[in-house]
Amino acid sequence: MILLVACNNSGNSENENIPSEPSSNIPIINYSLNSSFPHDTGSFTEGLLIHNGQLYESTGSPEEIPQARSLFGTVDLKTGRIDKKIELDRQKYFGEGIVFLNDKVYQLTYQTKVGFIYDAKTFNKIGEFTFPSKEGWGMTTDGSHLIMTDGTNIITYLETKNFTTVKTINVTDDNGPVTHLNEPEFIKGYIYANIYTTNYIVKIDPASGKVVGKIDLTSLATEAKIKFPGSLEMNGIAYDSASDKVYVTGKMWPNIYAIEFNH
């Protein structure tokens, strides 16, 4: 299957120019592969995270992939299947990244500029919010704020009372803006983010917006494609602080990989 789908869907003006790889001057962060687990090849991955020792995944539903669903839930690492907690009506919303913060779950949608709030224990919907970005892509948190990407080089910090912008970060390297920032993860004071349509994760210093490192996961992406030719773009980063492992995957990949590297 040959298919190019934007973070989320086709027809996204932000994705008309395919991003270049990070500057060659950015230091490579070497990693080791710890283990691999099954991943549902029907899951169009938009977000990945660890909460209370459990891996969660959120997925989207492009029109081009009618079997795809916009949902999130816990991942069974024995089967790769998602135990669904919430599913959106794909006729109305395209599910994006999620994050847990202060006993709530926050979920972005793609182009509808609306997010949803759920109780983190019952997963009952308790509210909605809007965000200033044109699109919603990925989310993480520093423990105080929601941190979201929108497919550009801008990372936005939101407070959770009325969802106003606390600050924005313009992410750059020595070639200029680093665009197509996708699924982010906050790890030990830095933001790591997939660059959509590449096999790179970049390490971003939130204080300066500078990219200070990059991880090349081409070998994992190649393996995924060999195992399942329908595998699409790399997307998904989840940090387990207990084991110090990072879990990565991609849209419709056959595996989730646990990797280790110096943070």
Protein backbone atom coordinates (compact mmCIF):
# COMPACT_ATOMS: atom_id res chain seq x y z
CA MET A 1 0.00 0.00 0.00
CA ILE A 2 1.44 3.34 -1.02
CA LEU A 3 -0.21 6.09 0.95
CA LEU A 4 0.86 9.47 2.27
CA VAL A 5 -1.38 10.82 4.98
CA ALA A 6 -0.72 14.02 6.89
CA CYS A 7 -0.25 13.87 10.70
CA ASN A 8 -3.59 13.28 10.55
CA ASN A 9 -5.22 13.63 7.17
CA SER A 10 -4.64 14.72 3.61
CA GLY A 11 -5.11 18.23 2.31
CA ASN A 12 -3.16 19.86 5.13
CA SER A 13 -1.50 23.04 3.90
CA GLU A 14 1.15 22.73 6.62
CA ASN A 15 2.40 19.56 4.94
CA GLU A 16 2.67 20.75 1.36
CA ASN A 17 6.43 21.16 1.84
CA ILE A 18 7.94 17.92 3.07
CA PRO A 19 10.39 18.67 5.91
CA SER A 20 14.10 18.18 5.54
CA GLU A 21 16.11 16.13 7.98
CA PRO A 22 17.64 17.89 11.00
CA SER A 23 20.87 19.77 10.38
CA SER A 24 23.91 17.54 9.93
CA ASN A 25 25.59 19.56 12.66
CA ILE A 26 23.12 18.34 15.30
CA PRO A 27 24.72 15.63 17.46
CA ILE A 28 23.41 12.10 16.99
CA ILE A 29 22.03 10.45 20.13
CA ASN A 30 22.90 6.76 20.00
CA TYR A 31 20.37 4.29 21.34
CA SER A 32 20.17 0.59 22.11
CA LEU A 33 17.20 -1.61 21.33
CA ASN A 34 15.96 -3.27 24.52
CA SER A 35 12.92 -5.23 23.32
CA SER A 36 9.99 -5.20 20.94
CA PHE A 37 6.29 -5.87 21.36
CA PRO A 38 3.36 -6.41 19.00
CA HIS A 39 1.48 -3.36 17.74
CA ASP A 40 -1.90 -3.35 16.03
CA THR A 41 -1.31 -2.60 12.35
CA GLY A 42 -4.79 -1.09 12.23
CA SER A 43 -3.76 1.65 14.68
CA PHE A 44 -3.03 5.01 13.03
CA THR A 45 -0.89 6.21 15.94
CA GLU A 46 -1.19 9.83 17.05
CA GLY A 47 0.05 9.64 20.63
CA LEU A 48 1.87 7.32 23.01
CA LEU A 49 2.50 7.72 26.75
CA ILE A 50 3.01 5.93 30.05
CA HIS A 51 0.62 6.65 32.92
CA ASN A 52 0.79 4.78 36.22
CA GLY A 53 2.96 2.13 34.61
CA GLN A 54 0.52 1.49 31.77
CA LEU A 55 1.11 2.26 28.10
CA TYR A 56 -1.62 4.34 26.43
CA GLU A 57 -2.09 4.99 22.74
CA SER A 58 -4.30 7.45 20.87
CA THR A 59 -5.20 7.01 17.22
CA GLY A 60 -6.70 8.94 14.31
CA SER A 61 -9.02 8.07 11.44
CA PRO A 62 -8.03 9.37 7.98
CA GLU A 63 -10.70 9.27 5.29
CA GLU A 64 -8.26 7.30 3.14
CA ILE A 65 -8.20 4.49 5.71
CA PRO A 66 -11.87 3.67 6.35
CA GLN A 67 -11.08 1.01 8.95
CA ALA A 68 -9.11 3.44 11.12
CA ARG A 69 -10.68 4.74 14.32
CA SER A 70 -10.20 7.82 16.52
CA LEU A 71 -9.83 6.40 20.00
CA PHE A 72 -7.49 6.00 22.95
CA GLY A 73 -6.92 3.37 25.57
CA THR A 74 -4.39 1.07 27.21
CA VAL A 75 -2.16 -1.14 25.09
CA ASP A 76 -1.80 -4.84 25.78
CA LEU A 77 1.89 -5.44 25.12
CA LYS A 78 1.25 -9.14 24.57
CA THR A 79 -1.07 -8.54 21.63
CA GLY A 80 -0.67 -4.87 20.68
CA ARG A 81 -4.42 -4.38 20.96
CA ILE A 82 -5.89 -1.25 22.52
CA ASP A 83 -8.37 -1.62 25.37
CA LYS A 84 -10.58 1.29 24.28
CA LYS A 85 -11.46 3.91 26.88
CA ILE A 86 -12.85 6.61 24.55
CA GLU A 87 -13.82 6.63 20.88
CA LEU A 88 -14.80 9.71 18.87
CA ASP A 89 -17.30 9.83 16.02
CA ARG A 90 -14.98 9.77 13.02
CA GLN A 91 -17.59 11.64 10.99
CA LYS A 92 -17.14 14.63 13.31
CA TYR A 93 -13.65 14.43 14.82
CA PHE A 94 -10.17 13.22 14.04
CA GLY A 95 -8.48 12.09 17.26
CA GLU A 96 -4.98 13.32 18.04
CA GLY A 97 -2.59 13.33 21.00
CA ILE A 98 -3.54 12.84 24.64
CA VAL A 99 -1.98 13.66 27.98
CA PHE A 100 -2.73 12.98 31.65
CA LEU A 101 -2.47 15.90 34.08
CA ASN A 102 -3.99 16.48 37.52
CA ASP A 103 -6.36 13.50 37.40
CA LYS A 104 -7.67 14.43 33.96
CA VAL A 105 -7.06 13.29 30.41
CA TYR A 106 -6.85 15.92 27.68
CA GLN A 107 -7.38 14.95 24.05
CA LEU A 108 -6.72 17.03 20.94
CA THR A 109 -8.56 16.85 17.65
CA TYR A 110 -7.04 17.67 14.29
CA GLN A 111 -8.74 20.55 12.46
CA THR A 112 -11.86 21.21 14.54
CA LYS A 113 -9.96 23.32 17.14
CA VAL A 114 -11.65 21.49 20.00
CA GLY A 115 -10.21 19.33 22.75
CA PHE A 116 -11.93 17.02 25.20
CA ILE A 117 -11.41 16.53 28.92
CA TYR A 118 -12.06 13.25 30.73
CA ASP A 119 -11.84 12.01 34.29
CA ALA A 120 -8.59 10.03 34.46
CA LYS A 121 -10.14 7.21 36.50
CA THR A 122 -13.58 6.75 34.97
CA PHE A 123 -12.86 8.25 31.52
CA ASN A 124 -16.18 10.02 31.69
CA LYS A 125 -16.18 13.21 29.62
CA ILE A 126 -16.17 16.25 31.91
CA GLY A 127 -15.51 19.12 29.55
CA GLU A 128 -14.23 20.59 26.31
CA PHE A 129 -11.71 23.28 25.43
CA THR A 130 -10.48 25.22 22.44
CA PHE A 131 -6.87 25.98 21.56
CA PRO A 132 -5.26 28.82 19.61
CA SER A 133 -3.42 26.75 17.01
CA LYS A 134 -4.98 26.09 13.63
CA GLU A 135 -4.50 22.37 14.12
CA GLY A 136 -3.95 19.94 16.99
CA TRP A 137 -1.25 17.29 16.61
CA GLY A 138 0.51 16.02 19.75
CA MET A 139 0.59 16.71 23.49
CA THR A 140 2.79 16.22 26.51
CA THR A 141 3.22 17.96 29.87
CA ASP A 142 5.93 19.31 32.14
CA GLY A 143 3.72 18.57 35.13
CA SER A 144 2.21 22.06 35.15
CA HIS A 145 1.12 22.89 31.60
CA LEU A 146 -0.26 21.23 28.52
CA ILE A 147 2.42 21.30 25.82
CA MET A 148 1.12 20.88 22.28
CA THR A 149 2.41 20.72 18.72
CA ASP A 150 0.51 21.76 15.62
CA GLY A 151 2.68 20.57 12.72
CA THR A 152 4.70 23.78 12.46
CA ASN A 153 7.93 24.62 14.33
CA ILE A 154 5.94 26.16 17.19
CA ILE A 155 5.36 24.42 20.51
CA THR A 156 2.61 25.96 22.64
CA TYR A 157 2.27 25.83 26.42
CA LEU A 158 -1.32 26.09 27.69
CA GLU A 159 -2.57 26.54 31.24
CA THR A 160 -5.47 24.33 32.24
CA LYS A 161 -7.87 26.86 33.83
CA ASN A 162 -9.02 28.68 30.71
CA PHE A 163 -6.53 27.26 28.18
CA THR A 164 -4.77 30.51 27.45
CA THR A 165 -1.28 30.45 26.00
CA VAL A 166 1.45 30.65 28.63
CA LYS A 167 4.26 30.79 26.09
CA THR A 168 5.34 29.52 22.69
CA ILE A 169 8.65 28.06 21.62
CA ASN A 170 10.00 28.53 18.10
CA VAL A 171 12.06 25.42 17.41
CA THR A 172 15.15 25.91 15.25
CA ASP A 173 18.48 24.44 14.32
CA ASP A 174 21.31 26.08 12.40
CA ASN A 175 19.35 25.66 9.16
CA GLY A 176 16.39 27.63 10.52
CA PRO A 177 12.91 26.55 11.68
CA VAL A 178 12.41 22.84 12.36
CA THR A 179 8.87 22.22 11.15
CA HIS A 180 6.42 19.30 11.16
CA LEU A 181 6.92 18.69 14.87
CA ASN A 182 4.59 15.89 15.77
CA GLU A 183 4.16 13.62 18.82
CA PRO A 184 6.13 15.13 21.75
CA GLU A 185 7.37 13.72 25.05
CA PHE A 186 8.82 15.66 28.00
CA ILE A 187 11.86 13.82 29.38
CA LYS A 188 14.08 15.23 32.14
CA GLY A 189 13.63 18.86 31.19
CA TYR A 190 13.77 18.44 27.42
CA ILE A 191 11.08 17.97 24.78
CA TYR A 192 11.58 15.12 22.36
CA ALA A 193 9.43 15.19 19.23
CA ASN A 194 8.94 13.18 16.05
CA ILE A 195 9.51 15.11 12.83
CA TYR A 196 6.60 14.02 10.67
CA THR A 197 7.53 12.05 7.52
CA THR A 198 11.13 11.54 8.69
CA ASN A 199 12.67 8.85 10.85
CA TYR A 200 14.08 11.38 13.29
CA ILE A 201 13.24 12.32 16.84
CA VAL A 202 14.72 15.67 17.88
CA LYS A 203 15.71 16.74 21.38
CA ILE A 204 14.64 20.33 22.06
CA ASP A 205 15.84 22.68 24.78
CA PRO A 206 12.65 24.46 25.93
CA ALA A 207 14.63 27.44 27.23
CA SER A 208 16.06 28.34 23.83
CA GLY A 209 14.00 26.38 21.33
CA LYS A 210 17.21 24.95 19.90
CA VAL A 211 17.47 21.38 18.72
CA VAL A 212 20.37 19.92 20.70
CA GLY A 213 20.27 16.29 19.58
CA LYS A 214 18.63 13.87 17.18
CA ILE A 215 17.83 10.16 17.15
CA ASP A 216 17.80 8.36 13.81
CA LEU A 217 15.30 5.47 13.87
CA THR A 218 15.63 4.53 10.20
CA SER A 219 16.59 0.96 11.06
CA LEU A 220 13.37 0.47 13.05
CA ALA A 221 11.26 2.08 10.33
CA THR A 222 12.88 -0.19 7.74
CA GLU A 223 12.23 -3.26 9.84
CA ALA A 224 8.59 -2.22 10.31
CA LYS A 225 8.14 -1.84 6.55
CA ILE A 226 9.66 -5.24 5.87
CA LYS A 227 7.41 -6.92 8.44
CA PHE A 228 4.29 -5.05 7.33
CA PRO A 229 4.42 -3.19 3.98
CA GLY A 230 1.46 -1.06 5.04
CA SER A 231 3.54 0.61 7.78
CA LEU A 232 3.42 4.40 7.50
CA GLU A 233 5.27 7.23 9.25
CA MET A 234 7.13 6.92 12.52
CA ASN A 235 5.08 8.49 15.31
CA GLY A 236 4.83 7.86 19.03
CA ILE A 237 7.16 8.43 22.00
CA ALA A 238 6.43 7.27 25.55
CA TYR A 239 8.85 7.62 28.47
CA ASP A 240 8.73 5.19 31.39
CA SER A 241 10.50 6.94 34.25
CA ALA A 242 10.44 3.76 36.36
CA SER A 243 12.49 1.71 33.90
CA ASP A 244 14.14 4.66 32.11
CA LYS A 245 13.03 3.15 28.81
CA VAL A 246 11.44 4.96 25.90
CA TYR A 247 8.81 3.26 23.76
CA VAL A 248 8.52 4.23 20.09
CA THR A 249 6.32 3.13 17.22
CA GLY A 250 4.69 4.40 14.05
CA LYS A 251 1.40 4.61 12.28
CA MET A 252 0.25 1.06 11.51
CA TRP A 253 3.60 -0.41 12.49
CA PRO A 254 3.67 -4.09 13.50
CA ASN A 255 5.82 -3.42 16.57
CA ILE A 256 6.36 -1.11 19.51
CA TYR A 257 10.05 -0.85 20.40
CA ALA A 258 11.59 -0.21 23.81
CA ILE A 259 14.85 1.71 23.43
CA GLU A 260 17.39 3.19 25.81
CA PHE A 261 19.61 6.24 25.38
CA ASN A 262 21.31 8.91 27.48
CA HIS A 263 18.84 11.69 28.21
